[in-house]
Amino acid sequence: MSFVFGVGRVAAAAAIVSCLGFTLVQAATPQITTQVKSRQDKLRDMGGALKAITDDLKKPKVDWDNVIIPNAQTIKDRSAYLLNWFPKGTGPETGVKTYALPAIWQKTADFERIGKAAQAEAIKLDQVANSRNQDALKAQAVALGKACKACHDDFRSKDYEKENEE
């Protein structure tokens, strides 16, 4: 009897919380927490690699072998898996801190289109880096930055900028 009574209390509490306009957050499993953290780390790797390239392009002489080519390779390699990093059930509803907006899972066709465009720009960046054409690399770094921004504009929380200002 007490089990049924206890379940009834939980259901009643959930109904009250729901009526008050709150949403219950699903408890994040260790697997989900690991998956979100891994996604964030990989995206930071890509952003850091692009920053390393753009910073190096500001120098009088770029370091093709130690900065440009390896970082372009990192971006290309990581971007190939970009769309796999956002499986359903790894968004804000998990309770894990993420800047990924629910729109990723609500507008999947748009998200995939923008992600594929970023992947294409990453491949071009790697090709241009390997050609060692500095002017073409500058232009391609801008093109990749725009592709990244397109996704960030619609699918990443504005809180990211507020919390990650340099």
N, C-alpha and C. Protein backbone atom coordinates (compact mmCIF):
# COMPACT_ATOMS: atom_id res chain seq x y z
N MET A 1 0.82 -1.20 0.00
CA MET A 1 0.00 0.00 0.00
C MET A 1 0.86 1.26 0.00
N SER A 2 1.90 1.27 0.80
CA SER A 2 2.71 2.48 0.88
C SER A 2 3.39 2.77 -0.45
N PHE A 3 3.72 1.70 -1.22
CA PHE A 3 4.33 1.90 -2.54
C PHE A 3 3.36 2.66 -3.45
N VAL A 4 2.12 2.23 -3.48
CA VAL A 4 1.11 2.88 -4.31
C VAL A 4 0.90 4.31 -3.83
N PHE A 5 0.85 4.49 -2.53
CA PHE A 5 0.66 5.82 -1.97
C PHE A 5 1.84 6.72 -2.34
N GLY A 6 3.06 6.16 -2.28
CA GLY A 6 4.26 6.92 -2.63
C GLY A 6 4.25 7.32 -4.10
N VAL A 7 3.85 6.40 -4.97
CA VAL A 7 3.78 6.70 -6.40
C VAL A 7 2.75 7.79 -6.64
N GLY A 8 1.65 7.71 -5.94
CA GLY A 8 0.61 8.73 -6.07
C GLY A 8 1.12 10.10 -5.69
N ARG A 9 1.93 10.16 -4.65
CA ARG A 9 2.52 11.44 -4.23
C ARG A 9 3.43 12.00 -5.31
N VAL A 10 4.24 11.14 -5.91
CA VAL A 10 5.16 11.58 -6.97
C VAL A 10 4.35 12.11 -8.15
N ALA A 11 3.31 11.38 -8.53
CA ALA A 11 2.48 11.80 -9.66
C ALA A 11 1.80 13.13 -9.34
N ALA A 12 1.31 13.28 -8.12
CA ALA A 12 0.65 14.52 -7.72
C ALA A 12 1.64 15.68 -7.74
N ALA A 13 2.85 15.44 -7.25
CA ALA A 13 3.87 16.49 -7.25
C ALA A 13 4.22 16.89 -8.68
N ALA A 14 4.33 15.92 -9.55
CA ALA A 14 4.64 16.20 -10.97
C ALA A 14 3.52 17.01 -11.60
N ALA A 15 2.27 16.69 -11.27
CA ALA A 15 1.13 17.42 -11.81
C ALA A 15 1.14 18.86 -11.32
N ILE A 16 1.45 19.08 -10.05
CA ILE A 16 1.52 20.43 -9.50
C ILE A 16 2.63 21.23 -10.17
N VAL A 17 3.79 20.62 -10.30
CA VAL A 17 4.92 21.29 -10.95
C VAL A 17 4.54 21.66 -12.38
N SER A 18 3.89 20.74 -13.08
CA SER A 18 3.49 20.98 -14.46
C SER A 18 2.48 22.11 -14.54
N CYS A 19 1.51 22.14 -13.63
CA CYS A 19 0.49 23.19 -13.63
C CYS A 19 1.09 24.56 -13.34
N LEU A 20 2.14 24.60 -12.58
CA LEU A 20 2.79 25.87 -12.26
C LEU A 20 3.65 26.38 -13.41
N GLY A 21 3.74 25.61 -14.47
CA GLY A 21 4.48 26.07 -15.64
C GLY A 21 5.93 25.66 -15.68
N PHE A 22 6.34 24.85 -14.77
CA PHE A 22 7.72 24.37 -14.78
C PHE A 22 7.79 23.12 -15.65
N THR A 23 8.96 22.86 -16.18
CA THR A 23 9.14 21.60 -16.89
C THR A 23 10.13 20.76 -16.11
N LEU A 24 9.86 19.49 -16.09
CA LEU A 24 10.77 18.59 -15.41
C LEU A 24 11.95 18.29 -16.31
N VAL A 25 13.12 18.35 -15.77
CA VAL A 25 14.33 18.07 -16.55
C VAL A 25 14.67 16.61 -16.36
N GLN A 26 14.93 15.95 -17.48
CA GLN A 26 15.33 14.54 -17.41
C GLN A 26 16.71 14.47 -16.74
N ALA A 27 16.89 13.49 -15.93
CA ALA A 27 18.19 13.33 -15.28
C ALA A 27 19.20 12.83 -16.30
N ALA A 28 20.34 13.49 -16.34
CA ALA A 28 21.37 13.11 -17.30
C ALA A 28 22.09 11.86 -16.83
N THR A 29 22.20 10.92 -17.72
CA THR A 29 22.97 9.71 -17.41
C THR A 29 24.45 10.04 -17.59
N PRO A 30 25.33 9.24 -17.03
CA PRO A 30 26.76 9.47 -17.27
C PRO A 30 27.10 9.43 -18.76
N GLN A 31 26.41 8.60 -19.52
CA GLN A 31 26.68 8.51 -20.96
C GLN A 31 26.32 9.82 -21.67
N ILE A 32 25.18 10.40 -21.31
CA ILE A 32 24.76 11.66 -21.92
C ILE A 32 25.73 12.77 -21.52
N THR A 33 26.10 12.83 -20.26
CA THR A 33 27.05 13.84 -19.79
C THR A 33 28.36 13.72 -20.56
N THR A 34 28.84 12.51 -20.73
CA THR A 34 30.09 12.28 -21.47
C THR A 34 29.93 12.69 -22.93
N GLN A 35 28.80 12.37 -23.52
CA GLN A 35 28.56 12.69 -24.92
C GLN A 35 28.52 14.21 -25.14
N VAL A 36 27.84 14.92 -24.26
CA VAL A 36 27.76 16.38 -24.40
C VAL A 36 29.13 17.00 -24.20
N LYS A 37 29.87 16.54 -23.20
CA LYS A 37 31.21 17.07 -22.96
C LYS A 37 32.13 16.79 -24.14
N SER A 38 32.06 15.60 -24.69
CA SER A 38 32.87 15.25 -25.85
C SER A 38 32.54 16.16 -27.03
N ARG A 39 31.25 16.40 -27.26
CA ARG A 39 30.81 17.30 -28.34
C ARG A 39 31.40 18.69 -28.12
N GLN A 40 31.30 19.19 -26.90
CA GLN A 40 31.82 20.52 -26.60
C GLN A 40 33.33 20.59 -26.80
N ASP A 41 34.03 19.57 -26.38
CA ASP A 41 35.49 19.53 -26.55
C ASP A 41 35.88 19.55 -28.02
N LYS A 42 35.18 18.77 -28.83
CA LYS A 42 35.50 18.70 -30.26
C LYS A 42 35.19 20.03 -30.95
N LEU A 43 34.09 20.66 -30.57
CA LEU A 43 33.76 21.95 -31.16
C LEU A 43 34.78 23.01 -30.74
N ARG A 44 35.23 22.94 -29.48
CA ARG A 44 36.28 23.87 -29.03
C ARG A 44 37.59 23.62 -29.79
N ASP A 45 37.89 22.35 -30.04
CA ASP A 45 39.08 22.02 -30.85
C ASP A 45 38.99 22.69 -32.22
N MET A 46 37.83 22.60 -32.83
CA MET A 46 37.66 23.19 -34.16
C MET A 46 37.78 24.72 -34.10
N GLY A 47 37.14 25.32 -33.12
CA GLY A 47 37.23 26.77 -32.97
C GLY A 47 38.64 27.23 -32.66
N GLY A 48 39.32 26.49 -31.82
CA GLY A 48 40.71 26.80 -31.49
C GLY A 48 41.63 26.66 -32.69
N ALA A 49 41.36 25.64 -33.51
CA ALA A 49 42.17 25.42 -34.70
C ALA A 49 41.97 26.56 -35.70
N LEU A 50 40.72 27.01 -35.87
CA LEU A 50 40.46 28.12 -36.78
C LEU A 50 41.10 29.40 -36.24
N LYS A 51 41.03 29.60 -34.94
CA LYS A 51 41.66 30.78 -34.33
C LYS A 51 43.18 30.73 -34.53
N ALA A 52 43.79 29.57 -34.37
CA ALA A 52 45.24 29.44 -34.58
C ALA A 52 45.60 29.81 -36.01
N ILE A 53 44.79 29.38 -36.96
CA ILE A 53 45.05 29.70 -38.37
C ILE A 53 44.91 31.20 -38.60
N THR A 54 43.81 31.79 -38.15
CA THR A 54 43.60 33.22 -38.40
C THR A 54 44.63 34.07 -37.67
N ASP A 55 45.04 33.67 -36.48
CA ASP A 55 46.11 34.39 -35.78
C ASP A 55 47.43 34.30 -36.54
N ASP A 56 47.72 33.12 -37.05
CA ASP A 56 48.99 32.93 -37.78
C ASP A 56 48.99 33.72 -39.09
N LEU A 57 47.82 33.86 -39.70
CA LEU A 57 47.72 34.63 -40.94
C LEU A 57 48.01 36.12 -40.74
N LYS A 58 47.97 36.58 -39.52
CA LYS A 58 48.26 37.99 -39.22
C LYS A 58 49.76 38.24 -39.09
N LYS A 59 50.53 37.19 -39.03
CA LYS A 59 51.98 37.32 -38.87
C LYS A 59 52.63 37.56 -40.23
N PRO A 60 53.83 38.17 -40.22
CA PRO A 60 54.52 38.41 -41.49
C PRO A 60 54.82 37.12 -42.27
N LYS A 61 55.10 36.05 -41.56
CA LYS A 61 55.39 34.78 -42.21
C LYS A 61 54.59 33.68 -41.49
N VAL A 62 53.76 32.98 -42.26
CA VAL A 62 52.95 31.93 -41.64
C VAL A 62 53.76 30.64 -41.50
N ASP A 63 53.38 29.87 -40.52
CA ASP A 63 54.03 28.59 -40.26
C ASP A 63 53.14 27.48 -40.83
N TRP A 64 53.37 27.15 -42.08
CA TRP A 64 52.55 26.16 -42.77
C TRP A 64 52.62 24.80 -42.10
N ASP A 65 53.81 24.36 -41.74
CA ASP A 65 54.00 22.99 -41.27
C ASP A 65 53.55 22.75 -39.84
N ASN A 66 53.67 23.76 -38.98
CA ASN A 66 53.36 23.55 -37.56
C ASN A 66 52.03 24.16 -37.12
N VAL A 67 51.50 25.08 -37.90
CA VAL A 67 50.25 25.74 -37.50
C VAL A 67 49.15 25.53 -38.54
N ILE A 68 49.38 26.00 -39.73
CA ILE A 68 48.31 26.05 -40.74
C ILE A 68 47.82 24.66 -41.14
N ILE A 69 48.70 23.84 -41.65
CA ILE A 69 48.29 22.53 -42.19
C ILE A 69 47.73 21.60 -41.10
N PRO A 70 48.39 21.48 -39.94
CA PRO A 70 47.79 20.59 -38.93
C PRO A 70 46.44 21.07 -38.40
N ASN A 71 46.28 22.38 -38.26
CA ASN A 71 44.99 22.90 -37.77
C ASN A 71 43.89 22.78 -38.82
N ALA A 72 44.25 22.97 -40.09
CA ALA A 72 43.26 22.76 -41.15
C ALA A 72 42.84 21.30 -41.19
N GLN A 73 43.79 20.41 -40.98
CA GLN A 73 43.49 18.97 -40.94
C GLN A 73 42.56 18.64 -39.77
N THR A 74 42.81 19.24 -38.61
CA THR A 74 41.95 19.03 -37.44
C THR A 74 40.52 19.45 -37.74
N ILE A 75 40.37 20.62 -38.34
CA ILE A 75 39.03 21.12 -38.66
C ILE A 75 38.35 20.18 -39.65
N LYS A 76 39.04 19.79 -40.68
CA LYS A 76 38.45 18.89 -41.68
C LYS A 76 38.06 17.55 -41.05
N ASP A 77 38.97 16.98 -40.28
CA ASP A 77 38.70 15.67 -39.66
C ASP A 77 37.52 15.74 -38.70
N ARG A 78 37.50 16.74 -37.85
CA ARG A 78 36.41 16.86 -36.87
C ARG A 78 35.09 17.13 -37.57
N SER A 79 35.11 17.99 -38.59
CA SER A 79 33.85 18.38 -39.24
C SER A 79 33.15 17.19 -39.90
N ALA A 80 33.89 16.19 -40.28
CA ALA A 80 33.29 15.02 -40.92
C ALA A 80 32.27 14.34 -40.01
N TYR A 81 32.41 14.51 -38.72
CA TYR A 81 31.53 13.86 -37.74
C TYR A 81 30.56 14.82 -37.07
N LEU A 82 30.63 16.08 -37.45
CA LEU A 82 29.87 17.14 -36.82
C LEU A 82 28.39 16.80 -36.61
N LEU A 83 27.75 16.31 -37.63
CA LEU A 83 26.31 16.06 -37.53
C LEU A 83 25.98 14.86 -36.65
N ASN A 84 26.98 14.04 -36.34
CA ASN A 84 26.75 12.89 -35.44
C ASN A 84 26.84 13.27 -33.97
N TRP A 85 27.29 14.47 -33.68
CA TRP A 85 27.51 14.87 -32.29
C TRP A 85 26.25 15.36 -31.58
N PHE A 86 25.12 15.37 -32.29
CA PHE A 86 23.90 15.93 -31.73
C PHE A 86 22.73 14.94 -31.78
N PRO A 87 22.92 13.74 -31.23
CA PRO A 87 21.79 12.80 -31.25
C PRO A 87 20.64 13.31 -30.37
N LYS A 88 19.46 12.92 -30.74
CA LYS A 88 18.27 13.28 -29.96
C LYS A 88 18.48 12.84 -28.52
N GLY A 89 18.09 13.71 -27.60
CA GLY A 89 18.24 13.39 -26.18
C GLY A 89 19.52 13.92 -25.57
N THR A 90 20.25 14.78 -26.30
CA THR A 90 21.49 15.36 -25.75
C THR A 90 21.43 16.88 -25.73
N GLY A 91 20.22 17.41 -25.67
CA GLY A 91 20.04 18.86 -25.63
C GLY A 91 19.85 19.38 -24.22
N PRO A 92 19.32 20.57 -24.10
CA PRO A 92 19.15 21.21 -22.80
C PRO A 92 18.24 20.44 -21.85
N GLU A 93 17.36 19.61 -22.41
CA GLU A 93 16.43 18.83 -21.57
C GLU A 93 17.15 17.84 -20.66
N THR A 94 18.42 17.58 -20.91
CA THR A 94 19.16 16.61 -20.11
C THR A 94 19.58 17.17 -18.76
N GLY A 95 19.61 18.49 -18.65
CA GLY A 95 20.11 19.11 -17.43
C GLY A 95 21.61 19.34 -17.47
N VAL A 96 22.28 18.83 -18.49
CA VAL A 96 23.71 19.06 -18.67
C VAL A 96 23.86 20.43 -19.31
N LYS A 97 24.80 21.22 -18.81
CA LYS A 97 25.00 22.55 -19.37
C LYS A 97 25.46 22.42 -20.82
N THR A 98 24.66 22.98 -21.71
CA THR A 98 24.97 22.95 -23.13
C THR A 98 24.45 24.24 -23.74
N TYR A 99 25.12 24.71 -24.75
CA TYR A 99 24.66 25.89 -25.48
C TYR A 99 23.88 25.48 -26.72
N ALA A 100 23.73 24.20 -26.94
CA ALA A 100 22.95 23.69 -28.07
C ALA A 100 21.48 24.00 -27.82
N LEU A 101 20.86 24.65 -28.78
CA LEU A 101 19.45 25.01 -28.63
C LEU A 101 18.53 23.87 -29.09
N PRO A 102 17.33 23.80 -28.55
CA PRO A 102 16.38 22.78 -28.99
C PRO A 102 16.10 22.83 -30.49
N ALA A 103 16.33 23.97 -31.12
CA ALA A 103 16.09 24.11 -32.57
C ALA A 103 16.87 23.08 -33.38
N ILE A 104 18.00 22.61 -32.84
CA ILE A 104 18.78 21.58 -33.54
C ILE A 104 17.92 20.36 -33.83
N TRP A 105 17.11 19.98 -32.86
CA TRP A 105 16.29 18.78 -32.99
C TRP A 105 14.90 19.09 -33.53
N GLN A 106 14.53 20.36 -33.53
CA GLN A 106 13.23 20.76 -34.06
C GLN A 106 13.31 21.10 -35.55
N LYS A 107 14.46 21.58 -35.98
CA LYS A 107 14.65 21.98 -37.39
C LYS A 107 15.84 21.20 -37.95
N THR A 108 15.73 19.89 -37.92
CA THR A 108 16.86 19.04 -38.30
C THR A 108 17.30 19.24 -39.74
N ALA A 109 16.38 19.47 -40.65
CA ALA A 109 16.76 19.67 -42.05
C ALA A 109 17.63 20.92 -42.20
N ASP A 110 17.25 21.99 -41.52
CA ASP A 110 18.05 23.23 -41.57
C ASP A 110 19.41 23.01 -40.92
N PHE A 111 19.41 22.34 -39.78
CA PHE A 111 20.66 22.08 -39.08
C PHE A 111 21.60 21.23 -39.95
N GLU A 112 21.06 20.21 -40.58
CA GLU A 112 21.88 19.34 -41.43
C GLU A 112 22.40 20.10 -42.66
N ARG A 113 21.58 20.96 -43.25
CA ARG A 113 22.00 21.74 -44.41
C ARG A 113 23.17 22.66 -44.03
N ILE A 114 23.05 23.34 -42.93
CA ILE A 114 24.10 24.26 -42.48
C ILE A 114 25.35 23.47 -42.08
N GLY A 115 25.15 22.33 -41.42
CA GLY A 115 26.29 21.49 -41.02
C GLY A 115 27.05 20.96 -42.23
N LYS A 116 26.32 20.55 -43.25
CA LYS A 116 26.98 20.04 -44.47
C LYS A 116 27.73 21.16 -45.20
N ALA A 117 27.19 22.37 -45.15
CA ALA A 117 27.89 23.50 -45.76
C ALA A 117 29.19 23.77 -45.01
N ALA A 118 29.16 23.67 -43.69
CA ALA A 118 30.38 23.86 -42.89
C ALA A 118 31.40 22.76 -43.20
N GLN A 119 30.92 21.54 -43.35
CA GLN A 119 31.82 20.44 -43.70
C GLN A 119 32.50 20.70 -45.04
N ALA A 120 31.75 21.19 -46.01
CA ALA A 120 32.32 21.48 -47.34
C ALA A 120 33.37 22.58 -47.24
N GLU A 121 33.11 23.59 -46.45
CA GLU A 121 34.07 24.68 -46.28
C GLU A 121 35.33 24.19 -45.55
N ALA A 122 35.16 23.26 -44.63
CA ALA A 122 36.31 22.70 -43.91
C ALA A 122 37.20 21.89 -44.86
N ILE A 123 36.60 21.16 -45.76
CA ILE A 123 37.37 20.40 -46.75
C ILE A 123 38.15 21.35 -47.64
N LYS A 124 37.49 22.43 -48.08
CA LYS A 124 38.16 23.43 -48.92
C LYS A 124 39.32 24.08 -48.15
N LEU A 125 39.11 24.36 -46.87
CA LEU A 125 40.17 24.97 -46.06
C LEU A 125 41.40 24.07 -46.04
N ASP A 126 41.18 22.79 -45.84
CA ASP A 126 42.29 21.85 -45.82
C ASP A 126 43.01 21.81 -47.17
N GLN A 127 42.25 21.80 -48.24
CA GLN A 127 42.85 21.79 -49.58
C GLN A 127 43.67 23.05 -49.83
N VAL A 128 43.11 24.20 -49.46
CA VAL A 128 43.82 25.47 -49.65
C VAL A 128 45.07 25.52 -48.78
N ALA A 129 44.97 25.04 -47.56
CA ALA A 129 46.14 25.04 -46.67
C ALA A 129 47.26 24.21 -47.29
N ASN A 130 46.91 23.07 -47.84
CA ASN A 130 47.93 22.21 -48.44
C ASN A 130 48.50 22.78 -49.74
N SER A 131 47.79 23.72 -50.36
CA SER A 131 48.32 24.37 -51.56
C SER A 131 49.32 25.48 -51.19
N ARG A 132 49.28 25.87 -49.91
CA ARG A 132 50.17 26.91 -49.38
C ARG A 132 49.98 28.26 -50.08
N ASN A 133 48.77 28.54 -50.46
CA ASN A 133 48.43 29.82 -51.08
C ASN A 133 47.83 30.70 -49.99
N GLN A 134 48.60 31.64 -49.52
CA GLN A 134 48.21 32.45 -48.36
C GLN A 134 46.97 33.30 -48.64
N ASP A 135 46.88 33.92 -49.79
CA ASP A 135 45.71 34.74 -50.10
C ASP A 135 44.44 33.89 -50.17
N ALA A 136 44.54 32.74 -50.81
CA ALA A 136 43.39 31.84 -50.88
C ALA A 136 43.02 31.33 -49.49
N LEU A 137 44.01 31.09 -48.65
CA LEU A 137 43.75 30.62 -47.29
C LEU A 137 43.00 31.68 -46.48
N LYS A 138 43.41 32.94 -46.63
CA LYS A 138 42.71 34.01 -45.91
C LYS A 138 41.24 34.03 -46.31
N ALA A 139 40.98 33.96 -47.61
CA ALA A 139 39.60 33.98 -48.09
C ALA A 139 38.81 32.76 -47.60
N GLN A 140 39.46 31.60 -47.60
CA GLN A 140 38.76 30.38 -47.17
C GLN A 140 38.53 30.36 -45.67
N ALA A 141 39.44 30.93 -44.90
CA ALA A 141 39.22 31.02 -43.45
C ALA A 141 38.00 31.88 -43.16
N VAL A 142 37.82 32.96 -43.92
CA VAL A 142 36.63 33.81 -43.78
C VAL A 142 35.38 33.02 -44.16
N ALA A 143 35.45 32.28 -45.26
CA ALA A 143 34.30 31.48 -45.70
C ALA A 143 33.91 30.44 -44.65
N LEU A 144 34.90 29.79 -44.06
CA LEU A 144 34.60 28.80 -43.01
C LEU A 144 34.02 29.50 -41.79
N GLY A 145 34.57 30.64 -41.42
CA GLY A 145 34.04 31.39 -40.28
C GLY A 145 32.58 31.74 -40.48
N LYS A 146 32.21 32.13 -41.70
CA LYS A 146 30.80 32.44 -42.00
C LYS A 146 29.93 31.20 -41.90
N ALA A 147 30.44 30.06 -42.34
CA ALA A 147 29.68 28.81 -42.25
C ALA A 147 29.46 28.43 -40.79
N CYS A 148 30.47 28.61 -39.97
CA CYS A 148 30.33 28.32 -38.54
C CYS A 148 29.31 29.27 -37.90
N LYS A 149 29.43 30.55 -38.24
CA LYS A 149 28.53 31.56 -37.69
C LYS A 149 27.08 31.28 -38.07
N ALA A 150 26.85 30.79 -39.28
CA ALA A 150 25.48 30.49 -39.71
C ALA A 150 24.82 29.51 -38.76
N CYS A 151 25.58 28.53 -38.32
CA CYS A 151 25.05 27.56 -37.36
C CYS A 151 24.89 28.19 -35.98
N HIS A 152 25.88 28.93 -35.56
CA HIS A 152 25.83 29.56 -34.24
C HIS A 152 24.66 30.52 -34.13
N ASP A 153 24.35 31.23 -35.20
CA ASP A 153 23.26 32.21 -35.16
C ASP A 153 21.92 31.57 -34.82
N ASP A 154 21.66 30.39 -35.34
CA ASP A 154 20.35 29.76 -35.16
C ASP A 154 20.31 28.61 -34.16
N PHE A 155 21.46 28.03 -33.90
CA PHE A 155 21.44 26.78 -33.13
C PHE A 155 22.29 26.79 -31.86
N ARG A 156 22.94 27.91 -31.55
CA ARG A 156 23.73 28.01 -30.31
C ARG A 156 23.17 29.15 -29.49
N SER A 157 23.04 28.92 -28.20
CA SER A 157 22.50 29.92 -27.28
C SER A 157 23.36 31.18 -27.27
N LYS A 158 22.68 32.31 -27.19
CA LYS A 158 23.38 33.60 -27.09
C LYS A 158 24.15 33.70 -25.77
N ASP A 159 23.79 32.84 -24.81
CA ASP A 159 24.51 32.83 -23.53
C ASP A 159 25.98 32.45 -23.72
N TYR A 160 26.30 31.74 -24.79
CA TYR A 160 27.68 31.34 -25.03
C TYR A 160 28.58 32.57 -25.11
N GLU A 161 28.17 33.56 -25.91
CA GLU A 161 28.98 34.77 -26.05
C GLU A 161 29.12 35.49 -24.72
N LYS A 162 28.01 35.57 -23.96
CA LYS A 162 28.05 36.27 -22.68
C LYS A 162 29.00 35.59 -21.69
N GLU A 163 29.01 34.27 -21.70
CA GLU A 163 29.78 33.52 -20.72
C GLU A 163 31.21 33.22 -21.17
N ASN A 164 31.51 33.44 -22.46
CA ASN A 164 32.82 33.10 -22.98
C ASN A 164 33.54 34.29 -23.62
N GLU A 165 33.24 35.48 -23.13
CA GLU A 165 33.92 36.66 -23.64
C GLU A 165 35.38 36.61 -23.23
N GLU A 166 36.21 37.09 -24.14
CA GLU A 166 37.65 37.08 -23.84
C GLU A 166 38.07 38.37 -23.21
